[in-house]
Structure formats: structure tokens, C-alpha cells
C-alpha atoms as a PDB file:
ATOM      1  CA  MET A   1      97.366 146.561  94.808  1.00  0.00           C
ATOM      2  CA  LYS A   2      96.262 144.567  91.874  1.00  0.00           C
ATOM      3  CA  ARG A   3      94.736 141.145  92.554  1.00  0.00           C
ATOM      4  CA  ILE A   4      97.092 138.250  91.910  1.00  0.00           C
ATOM      5  CA  LYS A   5      95.767 135.599  89.598  1.00  0.00           C
ATOM      6  CA  ASN A   6      95.348 132.053  91.118  1.00  0.00           C
ATOM      7  CA  ASN A   7      98.444 129.762  90.647  1.00  0.00           C
ATOM      8  CA  ASP A   8     100.642 132.601  89.481  1.00  0.00           C
ATOM      9  CA  LEU A   9     104.057 132.359  91.242  1.00  0.00           C
ATOM     10  CA  THR A  10     105.832 135.162  89.285  1.00  0.00           C
ATOM     11  CA  HIS A  11     105.041 137.718  92.144  1.00  0.00           C
ATOM     12  CA  TYR A  12     106.352 135.258  94.691  1.00  0.00           C
ATOM     13  CA  PHE A  13     109.780 135.361  93.001  1.00  0.00           C
ATOM     14  CA  LEU A  14     109.874 138.964  91.536  1.00  0.00           C
ATOM     15  CA  ARG A  15     108.461 140.921  94.286  1.00  0.00           C
ATOM     16  CA  ASP A  16     109.424 141.683  97.878  1.00  0.00           C
ATOM     17  CA  HIS A  17     107.539 139.371 100.240  1.00  0.00           C
ATOM     18  CA  SER A  18     106.616 142.352 102.529  1.00  0.00           C
ATOM     19  CA  GLU A  19     104.505 143.772  99.664  1.00  0.00           C
ATOM     20  CA  LEU A  20     102.516 140.544  99.116  1.00  0.00           C
ATOM     21  CA  PRO A  21      99.340 139.501 101.105  1.00  0.00           C
ATOM     22  CA  GLU A  22      99.801 136.906 103.840  1.00  0.00           C
ATOM     23  CA  SER A  23      97.222 134.553 102.271  1.00  0.00           C
ATOM     24  CA  TYR A  24      99.148 134.572  98.948  1.00  0.00           C
ATOM     25  CA  LEU A  25     102.511 133.777 100.769  1.00  0.00           C
ATOM     26  CA  LYS A  26     100.703 130.975 102.749  1.00  0.00           C
ATOM     27  CA  HIS A  27      99.252 129.440  99.645  1.00  0.00           C
ATOM     28  CA  CYS A  28     102.656 129.569  97.976  1.00  0.00           C
ATOM     29  CA  GLN A  29     104.401 127.970 100.935  1.00  0.00           C
ATOM     30  CA  GLU A  30     101.833 125.036 101.005  1.00  0.00           C
ATOM     31  CA  PHE A  31     102.300 124.579  97.273  1.00  0.00           C
ATOM     32  CA  PHE A  32     106.125 124.325  97.587  1.00  0.00           C
ATOM     33  CA  GLN A  33     105.819 121.899 100.531  1.00  0.00           C
ATOM     34  CA  GLU A  34     103.385 119.776  98.515  1.00  0.00           C
ATOM     35  CA  ILE A  35     105.681 119.588  95.594  1.00  0.00           C
ATOM     36  CA  GLY A  36     108.648 118.773  97.911  1.00  0.00           C
ATOM     37  CA  GLU A  37     106.547 115.914  99.525  1.00  0.00           C
ATOM     38  CA  LYS A  38     105.643 114.544  96.109  1.00  0.00           C
ATOM     39  CA  THR A  39     109.277 114.763  94.884  1.00  0.00           C
ATOM     40  CA  LEU A  40     110.542 112.902  98.011  1.00  0.00           C
ATOM     41  CA  ILE A  41     107.968 110.265  97.598  1.00  0.00           C
ATOM     42  CA  SER A  42     108.839 109.821  93.994  1.00  0.00           C
ATOM     43  CA  ARG A  43     112.442 109.594  94.839  1.00  0.00           C
ATOM     44  CA  VAL A  44     111.823 107.018  97.609  1.00  0.00           C
ATOM     45  CA  GLU A  45     109.667 104.888  95.241  1.00  0.00           C
ATOM     46  CA  PHE A  46     112.384 105.164  92.434  1.00  0.00           C
ATOM     47  CA  TYR A  47     115.158 103.953  94.758  1.00  0.00           C
ATOM     48  CA  ALA A  48     112.950 101.269  96.222  1.00  0.00           C
ATOM     49  CA  LYS A  49     112.343  99.910  92.701  1.00  0.00           C
ATOM     50  CA  GLU A  50     116.154 100.129  91.971  1.00  0.00           C
ATOM     51  CA  LEU A  51     117.059  98.115  95.177  1.00  0.00           C
ATOM     52  CA  GLN A  52     114.363  95.578  94.387  1.00  0.00           C
ATOM     53  CA  ALA A  53     115.815  95.144  90.867  1.00  0.00           C
ATOM     54  CA  ALA A  54     119.380  94.838  92.140  1.00  0.00           C
ATOM     55  CA  SER A  55     118.133  92.151  94.790  1.00  0.00           C
ATOM     56  CA  TYR A  56     116.615  90.062  92.038  1.00  0.00           C
ATOM     57  CA  LYS A  57     119.832  90.347  89.872  1.00  0.00           C
ATOM     58  CA  LEU A  58     121.851  89.401  92.909  1.00  0.00           C
ATOM     59  CA  GLN A  59     119.546  86.333  93.670  1.00  0.00           C
ATOM     60  CA  ALA A  60     119.748  85.291  89.990  1.00  0.00           C
ATOM     61  CA  PHE A  61     123.490  85.514  89.951  1.00  0.00           C
ATOM     62  CA  GLN A  62     123.865  83.616  93.296  1.00  0.00           C
ATOM     63  CA  ALA A  63     121.416  80.909  91.954  1.00  0.00           C
ATOM     64  CA  ALA A  64     123.543  80.478  88.709  1.00  0.00           C
ATOM     65  CA  SER A  65     126.904  80.210  90.624  1.00  0.00           C
ATOM     66  CA  ASN A  66     125.519  77.525  92.991  1.00  0.00           C
ATOM     67  CA  LYS A  67     124.899  75.045  90.092  1.00  0.00           C
ATOM     68  CA  ARG A  68     127.336  72.216  89.778  1.00  0.00           C
ATOM     69  CA  GLN A  69     129.546  72.443  86.821  1.00  0.00           C
ATOM     70  CA  ALA A  70     130.471  69.577  84.530  1.00  0.00           C
ATOM     71  CA  ALA A  71     133.828  68.041  84.906  1.00  0.00           C
ATOM     72  CA  THR A  72     136.314  68.926  82.214  1.00  0.00           C
ATOM     73  CA  CYS A  73     139.559  67.416  81.158  1.00  0.00           C
ATOM     74  CA  ALA A  74     141.516  69.932  83.383  1.00  0.00           C
ATOM     75  CA  ASN A  75     139.409  68.824  86.439  1.00  0.00           C
ATOM     76  CA  LYS A  76     139.787  65.064  85.892  1.00  0.00           C
ATOM     77  CA  LYS A  77     142.718  63.322  87.711  1.00  0.00           C
ATOM     78  CA  LYS A  78     144.876  61.271  85.606  1.00  0.00           C
ATOM     79  CA  ASN A  79     146.637  58.350  86.790  1.00  0.00           C
ATOM     80  CA  TYR A  80     149.751  57.558  84.785  1.00  0.00           C
ATOM     81  CA  LYS A  81     151.777  54.467  85.226  1.00  0.00           C
ATOM     82  CA  LEU A  82     155.618  54.853  85.049  1.00  0.00           C
ATOM     83  CA  LYS A  83     157.444  52.291  83.105  1.00  0.00           C
ATOM     84  CA  SER A  84     160.244  50.733  85.165  1.00  0.00           C
END
């Protein structure tokens, strides 16, 4: 069997695994596991940043809605005297 080049995954996908050396299969599995962990970590970091940004937006919205608003004509009570 020909030697498989380092970091060459074509044999892993194109050939039957029973034909491949155990060390090659082990190396490929470790590589895929590492990629999966990095992907998972990057997804968690992405969603953590999204949640943090949403939290800041919510806090800003709540702070803005708690401010007292100036009285307008519609809010003022009008006292009218009736003529008798």
C-alpha cells in the first residue's frame, strides 16, 4: 500500500476503512473531534455575544421607558366653569 500523505483526508472519504491503517484512522478521528470542539466553542462564544448585546439593548430600552415624560395638553386636566 502506498504511503498516505500527512493531512490528506481524501482516502478517509474515498476508500473503505478496513483498507486503511489504524494510525491514519485514529489521526483522522482526532482531527474531526478537534474541529467539532472548535466549532462548538465558536458557536457558544457567538451566542454569548448575541445574548450580551440583547441584554444591553433591553437595559437601554428599560432605562428610556422609565424616564418621566413632559405633560402635554392631552394630559392636563381642564377645569371649565359652567355658566348658569
